[in-house]
Amino acid sequence: MPASLHLLSLPVEILLKIVSYVDNPTQLERYSLQFSSDDVSNQILPLLSVSEVLRALALERACAKCKIEINDDSGMSLATFENWPKSQVLPHASTIAKYARRVDLMVDFWDILNGNACGILENAAWTQSAFTNVVKLNVHIYGNFIGGDFYTLEAKRQNMAQFVHMVKTVMPKTRRVKIEIDNGLKFIEKSQATSHLLNTLVEALYGDSAQRFMKVHVNEFQIGMLHNCITDLTHVAASVHHDSNTTMMLLHKSALSLQSLDLQFHNTGHVPYLVSNYSGRAVVYPNLHKLVMDERTYFPHHQKTATNKKHIPFPKLKLLTVDMEYPFNDETLFKGNGRTLECLKMRLDPITIDMLRTNDTFASGQYPKLRNVSVRGLELFTEVQSISDYIYTSFVLKMSPSLQVFTDVAMLMGPHKLRFFHGCANLRILNVPEMTVYMSSLVPLLKSLRQLERLECKYIVDDLGLSADCVRSTYYPLSDRLRHLSLTRYEEACDDLFQSIVLLALVCPGLMRCHMLHEWRERFNSYVDNAVTDQSLGLYKERLSAIKYLEY
């Protein structure tokens, strides 16, 4: 039986998984670390003409993400697809409607109010069929609203209602609605009528969707019009400035329903109002799973926020990112979530570490699910980065007994600190992009970390001075699990580095990927070609040729 018939005899569920691996760069990471959207769509292309089954599965992937831009200037709407092969003509409109899963809708607010947006949607060929499988709708509202010189308030309401009805008719099964209000949206007519129109539009678009996303930018007037009426948001991303009182009030009104919160602080004066309202009453986020705090304008050593010792604002956090100087004077962000926290990314300084150690925040067994930790220092102020070896080992590397992924982004670590990882028995991924690693330290590390699959470092130096045969006979097999090596040094490479990579490949039989700067690729290939002609490495030509060298 031909191989193609064997393939097509597989259950649809299995074929779907095969197509998922072809289409999804995340799934393919173990095979290739460089996939652009063009690469992905080109992988789908051959499947379109193999069979009806594979064509249907490929279309499902290629048409899953649809972007629709409503353009009043041209009187048209443009539909594009993230994964659709550029060399292929788009399928029939009914096919697009059948396979789309997520729609990103770009629309000018004024075009909604004057009726143009609804008219354009009604005339679009692809809106003649319902998008029955769309469950995610992202609406990006932008443009300039210039008051009602030509349209009465009632006319605007009717046009807006017709637009919402059209969207709901075309996409009747959306369960997740995200609304992004662009900072370029300027409201010149600051009236209660305008406020009501925006509130009505947002609430109508959300409808009864289970997940309500909102992304807001700088314009406080926009948020001021929203926070009085919009509640039950599940996901919010917002910029916080000196005049962002209403942004924080918007969060307070949805505190019970929020699941994800991403805040970019341009002014840290509002940090206290994340955990308490403007009357001083504590705010609790009982369902928040993800919290990201990012400081865009850094002011060193600002005053730490004091909180009630008994207050537990984030009891169910799973992912916490503090990409700023830790803002509280106690372990506020860690209270009560010891059994739920899985991923932690934060900036460290001696003051913060001392506070967390004093409170026994990461005492043994406190965070059994914490598997992914990423740390860095306050890089603009190197004087606070003098973290001693004792502190580093007694705190940073003992945050969790289940640690599987560890990243040290800044220069907190010297080469000698590599030995401290020997106790992280479950570690699978170690990223130390600023560290130069010596083979004399790397060998015992790999002996200790039997689960390590990926290592990222700045550079590798061969300080063993051993021949290939000697290294092979002494250390093989050093690590069966190590699959991927990534080097981040931006200076010119030398033969010493290439020698280190070769020796590592000879004693790590699973090493199949080496990620390096594209400038190094040709030199490395030339080095390997010359090396295998030598008697000492000639026996290992097949092994060295099996490694795929990827480029940044």
Protein backbone atom coordinates (compact mmCIF):
# COMPACT_ATOMS: atom_id res chain seq x y z
CA MET A 1 0.00 0.00 0.00
CA PRO A 2 1.41 3.45 -0.88
CA ALA A 3 2.72 5.45 2.07
CA SER A 4 0.22 8.24 1.38
CA LEU A 5 -2.69 5.83 1.82
CA HIS A 6 -1.24 4.60 5.10
CA LEU A 7 -1.10 8.23 6.24
CA LEU A 8 -4.65 9.01 5.18
CA SER A 9 -5.96 5.95 6.98
CA LEU A 10 -4.96 7.50 10.29
CA PRO A 11 -7.72 8.97 12.47
CA VAL A 12 -8.43 12.64 11.93
CA GLU A 13 -7.25 13.40 15.49
CA ILE A 14 -3.81 11.97 14.68
CA LEU A 15 -3.63 13.84 11.37
CA LEU A 16 -4.52 17.02 13.22
CA LYS A 17 -1.57 16.52 15.56
CA ILE A 18 0.73 15.98 12.57
CA VAL A 19 -0.42 19.22 10.99
CA SER A 20 -0.03 20.95 14.36
CA TYR A 21 3.63 20.00 14.41
CA VAL A 22 4.08 21.29 10.88
CA ASP A 23 2.29 24.52 11.63
CA ASN A 24 3.24 25.38 15.20
CA PRO A 25 6.73 26.84 15.80
CA THR A 26 6.42 26.19 19.53
CA GLN A 27 5.92 22.49 18.92
CA LEU A 28 8.85 22.51 16.51
CA GLU A 29 11.27 24.17 18.91
CA ARG A 30 13.09 20.92 19.56
CA TYR A 31 13.77 20.60 15.84
CA SER A 32 14.37 24.18 14.81
CA LEU A 33 14.65 27.45 16.73
CA GLN A 34 14.25 29.75 13.72
CA PHE A 35 10.76 29.87 12.30
CA SER A 36 9.25 32.98 10.79
CA SER A 37 5.60 33.22 9.78
CA ASP A 38 6.67 32.67 6.18
CA ASP A 39 8.42 29.46 7.18
CA VAL A 40 5.29 28.22 8.90
CA SER A 41 2.98 29.04 6.00
CA ASN A 42 5.35 27.40 3.53
CA GLN A 43 5.22 24.23 5.61
CA ILE A 44 1.46 24.22 5.19
CA LEU A 45 1.56 24.84 1.44
CA PRO A 46 2.30 21.24 0.29
CA LEU A 47 -0.58 19.88 2.36
CA LEU A 48 -3.17 21.88 0.40
CA SER A 49 -2.96 19.55 -2.60
CA VAL A 50 -2.30 16.16 -0.96
CA SER A 51 -5.83 15.11 -0.11
CA GLU A 52 -9.17 16.51 1.01
CA VAL A 53 -8.49 15.45 4.59
CA LEU A 54 -5.08 17.10 4.80
CA ARG A 55 -6.33 20.13 2.86
CA ALA A 56 -9.10 20.63 5.41
CA LEU A 57 -6.67 20.31 8.30
CA ALA A 58 -4.17 22.66 6.63
CA LEU A 59 -6.90 25.23 5.98
CA GLU A 60 -7.94 25.04 9.60
CA ARG A 61 -4.41 26.05 10.59
CA ALA A 62 -3.81 28.59 7.84
CA CYS A 63 -7.09 30.47 8.35
CA ALA A 64 -7.21 30.26 12.13
CA LYS A 65 -6.04 33.85 12.74
CA CYS A 66 -7.78 36.53 10.69
CA LYS A 67 -7.10 40.27 10.77
CA ILE A 68 -9.80 42.59 9.42
CA GLU A 69 -9.11 46.27 8.82
CA ILE A 70 -12.11 48.51 8.09
CA ASN A 71 -10.95 51.40 5.93
CA ASP A 72 -13.40 54.20 5.32
CA ASP A 73 -11.06 55.96 2.88
CA SER A 74 -11.28 53.05 0.45
CA GLY A 75 -14.75 51.97 1.51
CA MET A 76 -13.43 48.41 1.91
CA SER A 77 -12.40 45.93 4.54
CA LEU A 78 -9.14 44.04 4.17
CA ALA A 79 -8.90 40.50 5.55
CA THR A 80 -5.45 38.95 6.02
CA PHE A 81 -4.27 35.71 7.62
CA GLU A 82 -1.18 35.30 9.75
CA ASN A 83 -0.33 31.79 8.54
CA TRP A 84 -1.67 31.84 4.99
CA PRO A 85 0.99 31.14 2.29
CA LYS A 86 1.68 34.38 0.43
CA SER A 87 2.00 32.55 -2.88
CA GLN A 88 -1.53 31.13 -2.63
CA VAL A 89 -4.75 32.90 -3.56
CA LEU A 90 -7.11 33.19 -0.60
CA PRO A 91 -9.85 30.54 -0.56
CA HIS A 92 -13.53 31.27 -1.04
CA ALA A 93 -15.15 33.52 1.55
CA SER A 94 -17.23 30.65 2.92
CA THR A 95 -14.03 28.69 3.55
CA ILE A 96 -12.52 31.61 5.44
CA ALA A 97 -15.64 31.88 7.59
CA LYS A 98 -15.61 28.15 8.29
CA TYR A 99 -12.01 27.87 9.51
CA ALA A 100 -11.33 31.19 11.27
CA ARG A 101 -10.89 30.81 15.02
CA ARG A 102 -9.67 34.29 16.03
CA VAL A 103 -10.49 37.64 14.46
CA ASP A 104 -8.60 40.91 15.04
CA LEU A 105 -10.89 43.77 14.03
CA MET A 106 -9.34 47.22 13.42
CA VAL A 107 -11.92 50.03 13.31
CA ASP A 108 -12.11 53.82 13.62
CA PHE A 109 -14.51 54.87 16.38
CA TRP A 110 -15.92 57.68 14.26
CA ASP A 111 -16.66 55.21 11.45
CA ILE A 112 -18.75 53.23 13.92
CA LEU A 113 -20.76 56.28 14.96
CA ASN A 114 -21.36 57.63 11.46
CA GLY A 115 -22.45 54.23 10.12
CA ASN A 116 -19.63 53.70 7.63
CA ALA A 117 -18.11 50.73 9.50
CA CYS A 118 -21.37 48.79 9.47
CA GLY A 119 -21.93 49.56 5.79
CA ILE A 120 -18.47 48.31 4.87
CA LEU A 121 -18.98 45.09 6.83
CA GLU A 122 -22.36 44.47 5.20
CA ASN A 123 -20.83 44.77 1.71
CA ALA A 124 -17.81 42.55 2.39
CA ALA A 125 -17.99 39.19 0.63
CA TRP A 126 -16.67 37.27 3.60
CA THR A 127 -19.38 38.53 5.97
CA GLN A 128 -22.09 36.79 3.95
CA SER A 129 -21.24 33.59 5.86
CA ALA A 130 -21.22 33.42 9.65
CA PHE A 131 -17.84 32.88 11.34
CA THR A 132 -19.35 30.09 13.41
CA ASN A 133 -16.04 28.84 14.84
CA VAL A 134 -14.60 32.17 15.99
CA VAL A 135 -14.23 32.11 19.77
CA LYS A 136 -11.70 34.98 20.18
CA LEU A 137 -12.49 38.51 19.02
CA ASN A 138 -9.97 41.36 19.42
CA VAL A 139 -11.35 44.83 18.66
CA HIS A 140 -8.81 47.65 18.24
CA ILE A 141 -10.58 51.02 18.39
CA TYR A 142 -8.62 54.01 17.11
CA GLY A 143 -9.14 57.36 15.37
CA ASN A 144 -10.47 60.82 16.19
CA PHE A 145 -13.97 61.47 17.42
CA ILE A 146 -14.91 65.03 16.47
CA GLY A 147 -18.27 65.59 18.03
CA GLY A 148 -21.72 65.52 16.44
CA ASP A 149 -21.87 68.28 13.89
CA PHE A 150 -23.73 66.18 11.31
CA TYR A 151 -25.22 63.34 13.34
CA THR A 152 -27.67 63.48 16.19
CA LEU A 153 -26.99 61.52 19.35
CA GLU A 154 -29.80 59.15 18.45
CA ALA A 155 -28.32 58.53 14.99
CA LYS A 156 -24.96 57.70 16.56
CA ARG A 157 -26.62 55.25 18.93
CA GLN A 158 -28.45 53.54 16.10
CA ASN A 159 -25.30 53.29 13.96
CA MET A 160 -23.38 51.87 16.90
CA ALA A 161 -26.11 49.37 17.68
CA GLN A 162 -26.19 48.23 14.04
CA PHE A 163 -22.40 47.78 14.04
CA VAL A 164 -22.47 45.67 17.21
CA HIS A 165 -25.39 43.63 15.84
CA MET A 166 -23.45 43.03 12.61
CA VAL A 167 -20.36 41.88 14.50
CA LYS A 168 -22.39 39.59 16.74
CA THR A 169 -24.28 38.16 13.75
CA VAL A 170 -21.11 37.40 11.82
CA MET A 171 -19.33 35.99 14.91
CA PRO A 172 -22.11 34.59 17.12
CA LYS A 173 -20.03 32.25 19.32
CA THR A 174 -17.24 34.45 20.67
CA ARG A 175 -16.33 33.51 24.23
CA ARG A 176 -13.30 35.81 24.65
CA VAL A 177 -13.48 39.47 23.67
CA LYS A 178 -10.49 41.79 23.92
CA ILE A 179 -10.91 45.53 23.44
CA GLU A 180 -7.90 47.79 22.89
CA ILE A 181 -8.46 51.53 23.03
CA ASP A 182 -5.67 53.27 21.18
CA ASN A 183 -3.91 56.28 22.66
CA GLY A 184 -4.48 58.09 19.37
CA LEU A 185 -8.21 58.13 20.03
CA LYS A 186 -8.82 61.76 20.93
CA PHE A 187 -12.15 62.86 22.34
CA ILE A 188 -12.68 66.54 21.76
CA GLU A 189 -16.28 66.48 22.90
CA LYS A 190 -15.84 65.59 26.59
CA SER A 191 -19.49 65.13 27.45
CA GLN A 192 -21.61 62.63 29.30
CA ALA A 193 -23.09 61.64 25.94
CA THR A 194 -19.65 60.68 24.61
CA SER A 195 -18.93 58.76 27.79
CA HIS A 196 -22.18 56.88 27.47
CA LEU A 197 -21.53 56.02 23.82
CA LEU A 198 -18.13 54.51 24.57
CA ASN A 199 -19.44 52.60 27.58
CA THR A 200 -22.36 51.27 25.60
CA LEU A 201 -20.11 50.16 22.75
CA VAL A 202 -17.66 48.37 25.02
CA GLU A 203 -20.35 46.64 27.07
CA ALA A 204 -22.25 45.60 23.94
CA LEU A 205 -19.13 44.13 22.34
CA TYR A 206 -18.33 42.20 25.52
CA GLY A 207 -21.89 40.93 25.73
CA ASP A 208 -22.04 37.70 27.72
CA SER A 209 -18.49 36.58 26.85
CA ALA A 210 -16.83 34.62 29.61
CA GLN A 211 -13.49 36.41 29.24
CA ARG A 212 -13.27 40.19 29.02
CA PHE A 213 -9.89 41.58 27.97
CA MET A 214 -9.07 45.28 27.93
CA LYS A 215 -5.89 47.05 26.87
CA VAL A 216 -5.73 50.78 27.58
CA HIS A 217 -2.96 53.28 27.01
CA VAL A 218 -2.27 56.79 28.28
CA ASN A 219 -5.44 58.79 27.74
CA GLU A 220 -6.92 59.07 31.22
CA PHE A 221 -10.10 60.70 29.92
CA GLN A 222 -10.91 57.54 28.00
CA ILE A 223 -10.49 55.41 31.10
CA GLY A 224 -12.39 57.93 33.15
CA MET A 225 -15.36 57.41 30.86
CA LEU A 226 -15.05 53.65 31.23
CA HIS A 227 -14.33 52.91 34.86
CA ASN A 228 -17.73 53.96 36.17
CA CYS A 229 -19.58 51.39 34.11
CA ILE A 230 -17.18 48.67 32.94
CA THR A 231 -16.85 45.83 35.43
CA ASP A 232 -16.08 42.11 35.46
CA LEU A 233 -12.96 42.44 33.29
CA THR A 234 -10.83 39.29 33.32
CA HIS A 235 -7.65 40.57 31.63
CA VAL A 236 -6.24 44.13 31.71
CA ALA A 237 -3.06 45.65 30.25
CA ALA A 238 -2.52 49.33 31.05
CA SER A 239 0.06 52.11 31.27
CA VAL A 240 0.11 53.90 34.62
CA HIS A 241 1.16 57.57 34.67
CA HIS A 242 1.10 60.32 37.29
CA ASP A 243 -2.57 61.09 36.52
CA SER A 244 -3.75 57.48 36.35
CA ASN A 245 -6.16 57.46 39.29
CA THR A 246 -8.99 56.22 37.10
CA THR A 247 -6.82 53.38 35.77
CA MET A 248 -6.44 52.03 39.29
CA MET A 249 -10.14 52.54 39.97
CA LEU A 250 -10.92 50.51 36.84
CA LEU A 251 -8.86 47.66 38.34
CA HIS A 252 -10.60 47.94 41.71
CA LYS A 253 -14.03 47.54 40.13
CA SER A 254 -12.93 44.30 38.43
CA ALA A 255 -10.73 42.98 41.25
CA LEU A 256 -12.94 39.96 41.87
CA SER A 257 -12.96 38.83 38.23
CA LEU A 258 -9.42 39.72 37.08
CA GLN A 259 -7.31 36.76 35.98
CA SER A 260 -4.41 38.57 34.30
CA LEU A 261 -2.96 42.02 34.96
CA ASP A 262 -0.10 43.70 33.06
CA LEU A 263 0.90 47.16 34.34
CA GLN A 264 3.58 49.45 32.92
CA PHE A 265 4.43 52.03 35.57
CA HIS A 266 5.68 55.35 34.24
CA ASN A 267 5.20 56.70 37.74
CA THR A 268 5.50 54.46 40.82
CA GLY A 269 3.35 56.73 42.96
CA HIS A 270 0.34 54.62 42.09
CA VAL A 271 1.86 51.31 43.23
CA PRO A 272 0.21 51.52 46.70
CA TYR A 273 -3.20 51.73 45.02
CA LEU A 274 -2.72 48.37 43.41
CA VAL A 275 -3.42 46.72 46.77
CA SER A 276 -5.63 49.37 48.38
CA ASN A 277 -8.21 51.82 47.12
CA TYR A 278 -8.09 55.58 47.55
CA SER A 279 -10.01 55.30 50.82
CA GLY A 280 -7.33 53.04 52.27
CA ARG A 281 -9.41 49.86 52.09
CA ALA A 282 -7.54 46.70 51.11
CA VAL A 283 -8.11 45.33 47.59
CA VAL A 284 -7.95 41.58 46.99
CA TYR A 285 -7.67 39.83 43.61
CA PRO A 286 -8.91 36.31 44.47
CA ASN A 287 -8.77 34.95 40.91
CA LEU A 288 -5.64 36.68 39.57
CA HIS A 289 -3.27 34.12 38.04
CA LYS A 290 -0.83 36.42 36.23
CA LEU A 291 0.67 39.71 37.42
CA VAL A 292 3.26 41.71 35.44
CA MET A 293 4.73 44.92 36.88
CA ASP A 294 7.12 46.83 34.64
CA GLU A 295 8.73 50.19 35.43
CA ARG A 296 9.38 52.20 32.27
CA THR A 297 10.93 55.28 33.91
CA TYR A 298 13.37 54.18 36.57
CA PHE A 299 13.82 56.21 39.75
CA PRO A 300 16.28 54.46 42.08
CA HIS A 301 15.61 53.85 45.74
CA HIS A 302 12.07 55.21 45.75
CA GLN A 303 10.17 54.76 48.98
CA LYS A 304 8.88 51.24 49.54
CA THR A 305 5.16 50.80 49.93
CA ALA A 306 3.99 49.65 53.35
CA THR A 307 1.03 47.27 53.56
CA ASN A 308 -1.09 45.60 56.20
CA LYS A 309 0.74 42.51 57.46
CA LYS A 310 -2.46 40.45 57.32
CA HIS A 311 -3.43 41.57 53.84
CA ILE A 312 -3.15 38.84 51.17
CA PRO A 313 -3.92 40.57 47.85
CA PHE A 314 -2.84 37.83 45.38
CA PRO A 315 -3.69 34.41 46.87
CA LYS A 316 -3.75 32.44 43.59
CA LEU A 317 -0.86 33.82 41.53
CA LYS A 318 0.76 31.39 39.11
CA LEU A 319 2.97 33.77 37.15
CA LEU A 320 4.64 36.82 38.69
CA THR A 321 6.92 39.28 36.86
CA VAL A 322 8.46 42.23 38.73
CA ASP A 323 10.60 43.94 36.08
CA MET A 324 11.33 46.88 38.35
CA GLU A 325 12.80 47.58 41.76
CA TYR A 326 10.70 45.59 44.22
CA PRO A 327 8.13 48.19 45.33
CA PHE A 328 6.96 46.92 48.75
CA ASN A 329 8.67 46.85 52.14
CA ASP A 330 7.47 43.31 52.81
CA GLU A 331 6.60 40.13 50.90
CA THR A 332 3.21 41.49 49.76
CA LEU A 333 3.45 39.97 46.27
CA PHE A 334 4.24 36.52 47.69
CA LYS A 335 1.72 36.27 50.52
CA GLY A 336 -0.61 33.30 50.34
CA ASN A 337 0.45 31.99 46.90
CA GLY A 338 3.09 29.48 47.98
CA ARG A 339 1.03 26.56 46.70
CA THR A 340 0.17 28.11 43.34
CA LEU A 341 3.19 30.10 42.06
CA GLU A 342 4.81 28.36 39.07
CA CYS A 343 6.86 31.04 37.30
CA LEU A 344 8.79 33.98 38.80
CA LYS A 345 10.71 36.73 37.03
CA MET A 346 12.11 39.58 39.10
CA ARG A 347 14.94 42.05 39.62
CA LEU A 348 17.03 41.44 42.71
CA ASP A 349 19.11 43.66 44.93
CA PRO A 350 20.60 43.01 48.39
CA ILE A 351 17.84 44.98 50.15
CA THR A 352 15.06 42.94 48.55
CA ILE A 353 16.87 39.66 49.16
CA ASP A 354 17.44 40.56 52.80
CA MET A 355 13.76 41.39 53.25
CA LEU A 356 12.62 38.11 51.66
CA ARG A 357 15.13 36.10 53.69
CA THR A 358 14.07 37.83 56.92
CA ASN A 359 10.46 36.88 56.23
CA ASP A 360 11.41 33.28 55.28
CA THR A 361 9.49 33.82 52.07
CA PHE A 362 11.22 30.96 50.28
CA ALA A 363 11.69 28.65 53.23
CA SER A 364 12.09 24.97 52.37
CA GLY A 365 8.96 23.51 50.77
CA GLN A 366 7.11 26.83 50.56
CA TYR A 367 6.86 26.87 46.75
CA PRO A 368 6.60 23.25 45.54
CA LYS A 369 5.22 24.23 42.09
CA LEU A 370 7.77 26.95 41.31
CA ARG A 371 9.67 25.53 38.33
CA ASN A 372 10.69 28.58 36.31
CA VAL A 373 12.81 31.37 37.86
CA SER A 374 14.46 34.30 36.08
CA VAL A 375 16.48 36.91 37.98
CA ARG A 376 18.48 39.98 37.12
CA GLY A 377 19.96 42.94 38.97
CA LEU A 378 19.12 46.62 38.89
CA GLU A 379 21.49 47.04 35.99
CA LEU A 380 21.63 50.84 35.96
CA PHE A 381 23.05 50.87 39.48
CA THR A 382 25.81 48.29 39.75
CA GLU A 383 26.62 49.15 43.36
CA VAL A 384 23.55 47.23 44.50
CA GLN A 385 24.50 44.13 42.55
CA SER A 386 27.25 42.99 44.93
CA ILE A 387 25.41 39.84 45.93
CA SER A 388 27.72 37.52 47.83
CA ASP A 389 28.16 33.85 47.02
CA TYR A 390 26.54 32.94 50.32
CA ILE A 391 23.41 35.00 49.63
CA TYR A 392 23.19 33.75 46.07
CA THR A 393 23.35 30.08 47.05
CA SER A 394 21.28 30.33 50.22
CA PHE A 395 18.49 32.27 48.59
CA VAL A 396 18.39 32.50 44.81
CA LEU A 397 19.16 28.86 44.07
CA LYS A 398 16.94 27.52 46.84
CA MET A 399 13.71 29.23 45.90
CA SER A 400 12.14 25.92 44.93
CA PRO A 401 13.01 22.23 45.20
CA SER A 402 11.27 21.68 41.85
CA LEU A 403 13.31 24.22 39.85
CA GLN A 404 13.45 23.19 36.17
CA VAL A 405 14.20 26.44 34.32
CA PHE A 406 16.62 29.05 35.66
CA THR A 407 17.70 32.28 33.98
CA ASP A 408 20.25 34.77 35.32
CA VAL A 409 19.97 37.64 32.84
CA ALA A 410 22.35 40.16 34.38
CA MET A 411 25.95 39.86 35.52
CA LEU A 412 25.11 38.59 38.96
CA MET A 413 27.21 35.50 38.38
CA GLY A 414 30.91 34.89 37.97
CA PRO A 415 32.25 31.67 36.41
CA HIS A 416 32.96 30.18 39.84
CA LYS A 417 29.25 30.27 40.73
CA LEU A 418 28.46 27.55 38.20
CA ARG A 419 29.26 24.94 40.83
CA PHE A 420 26.35 26.13 42.94
CA PHE A 421 23.89 24.60 40.48
CA HIS A 422 25.01 21.05 41.29
CA GLY A 423 22.21 20.76 43.80
CA CYS A 424 19.44 21.67 41.30
CA ALA A 425 18.79 18.06 40.34
CA ASN A 426 15.61 18.75 38.34
CA LEU A 427 17.04 21.59 36.25
CA ARG A 428 16.24 21.18 32.52
CA ILE A 429 17.12 24.64 31.16
CA LEU A 430 19.95 26.87 32.40
CA ASN A 431 20.26 30.33 30.83
CA VAL A 432 23.27 32.39 31.95
CA PRO A 433 23.79 34.59 28.86
CA GLU A 434 26.40 36.83 30.52
CA MET A 435 28.58 34.03 31.85
CA THR A 436 31.74 32.66 30.28
CA VAL A 437 31.79 28.94 31.02
CA TYR A 438 34.99 26.90 31.43
CA MET A 439 35.08 23.26 30.44
CA SER A 440 36.63 22.38 33.80
CA SER A 441 33.44 23.71 35.47
CA LEU A 442 31.03 22.48 32.82
CA VAL A 443 32.06 18.83 33.02
CA PRO A 444 31.15 18.36 36.71
CA LEU A 445 27.99 20.42 36.19
CA LEU A 446 26.73 18.09 33.46
CA LYS A 447 27.60 15.09 35.63
CA SER A 448 25.39 16.51 38.38
CA LEU A 449 22.50 17.81 36.28
CA ARG A 450 21.36 14.62 34.59
CA GLN A 451 18.11 16.26 33.39
CA LEU A 452 19.70 19.32 31.73
CA GLU A 453 18.48 19.68 28.13
CA ARG A 454 19.48 23.22 27.23
CA LEU A 455 22.39 25.50 28.16
CA GLU A 456 22.71 29.14 27.17
CA CYS A 457 25.91 30.99 28.05
CA LYS A 458 28.15 33.74 26.71
CA TYR A 459 31.18 31.70 25.69
CA ILE A 460 32.88 28.37 26.36
CA VAL A 461 36.60 28.17 27.07
CA ASP A 462 38.50 24.89 26.79
CA ASP A 463 40.82 24.98 29.78
CA LEU A 464 41.22 21.17 30.00
CA GLY A 465 43.89 20.96 27.31
CA LEU A 466 42.94 17.37 26.45
CA SER A 467 42.85 15.72 23.05
CA ALA A 468 39.58 14.63 21.48
CA ASP A 469 40.36 10.94 22.07
CA CYS A 470 41.27 11.61 25.70
CA VAL A 471 38.08 13.60 26.33
CA ARG A 472 36.02 10.94 24.60
CA SER A 473 37.53 8.05 26.54
CA THR A 474 37.44 9.89 29.88
CA TYR A 475 34.03 11.52 29.89
CA TYR A 476 31.78 9.73 27.37
CA PRO A 477 28.87 9.75 27.86
CA LEU A 478 28.87 12.95 29.87
CA SER A 479 25.21 13.86 29.31
CA ASP A 480 22.52 11.99 27.38
CA ARG A 481 19.92 14.73 27.87
CA LEU A 482 21.74 17.86 26.68
CA ARG A 483 20.14 18.73 23.32
CA HIS A 484 20.76 22.40 22.72
CA LEU A 485 23.68 24.77 23.27
CA SER A 486 23.24 28.52 22.75
CA LEU A 487 26.13 31.03 22.73
CA THR A 488 25.46 34.76 23.12
CA ARG A 489 28.90 36.39 22.89
CA TYR A 490 28.97 39.25 20.40
CA GLU A 491 32.70 39.54 19.98
CA GLU A 492 34.57 37.67 17.28
CA ALA A 493 34.82 33.95 17.85
CA CYS A 494 38.10 32.04 17.86
CA ASP A 495 39.27 28.46 17.38
CA ASP A 496 39.31 27.93 21.13
CA LEU A 497 35.52 28.30 21.22
CA PHE A 498 35.08 25.97 18.25
CA GLN A 499 37.33 23.41 19.91
CA SER A 500 35.12 23.56 23.03
CA ILE A 501 31.97 22.98 20.98
CA VAL A 502 33.54 20.01 19.22
CA LEU A 503 34.69 18.41 22.49
CA LEU A 504 31.26 18.93 24.03
CA ALA A 505 29.62 17.29 21.02
CA LEU A 506 31.90 14.25 21.35
CA VAL A 507 30.89 13.52 24.94
CA CYS A 508 27.20 14.54 24.77
CA PRO A 509 25.56 12.14 22.29
CA GLY A 510 22.22 13.95 22.48
CA LEU A 511 23.58 17.38 21.51
CA MET A 512 21.93 18.16 18.17
CA ARG A 513 21.53 21.95 18.12
CA CYS A 514 24.10 24.70 18.50
CA HIS A 515 22.84 28.28 18.32
CA MET A 516 25.46 30.92 17.45
CA LEU A 517 25.89 34.28 15.76
CA HIS A 518 25.49 34.13 11.99
CA GLU A 519 28.95 35.69 11.57
CA TRP A 520 30.45 32.57 13.14
CA ARG A 521 28.71 30.02 10.95
CA GLU A 522 31.10 29.95 8.00
CA ARG A 523 34.20 30.00 10.20
CA PHE A 524 32.88 27.18 12.34
CA ASN A 525 32.04 25.00 9.34
CA SER A 526 35.52 25.64 7.98
CA TYR A 527 37.02 24.71 11.37
CA VAL A 528 35.08 21.43 11.48
CA ASP A 529 36.01 20.56 7.88
CA ASN A 530 39.67 21.07 8.68
CA ALA A 531 39.45 19.29 12.02
CA VAL A 532 37.96 16.05 10.68
CA THR A 533 40.84 15.72 8.25
CA ASP A 534 43.12 15.31 11.25
CA GLN A 535 43.68 11.79 12.44
CA SER A 536 42.40 12.64 15.94
CA LEU A 537 38.98 13.81 14.74
CA GLY A 538 38.55 11.90 11.51
CA LEU A 539 36.67 9.13 13.33
CA TYR A 540 34.05 11.61 14.54
CA LYS A 541 33.12 13.21 11.23
CA GLU A 542 29.68 11.60 11.16
CA ARG A 543 28.94 12.71 14.72
CA LEU A 544 29.96 16.33 14.10
CA SER A 545 28.04 16.45 10.82
CA ALA A 546 24.85 15.42 12.63
CA ILE A 547 24.68 18.66 14.61
CA LYS A 548 22.57 21.46 13.17
CA TYR A 549 24.14 24.87 13.65
CA LEU A 550 21.53 27.60 13.91
CA GLU A 551 22.11 31.33 13.64
CA TYR A 552 20.86 34.36 15.56
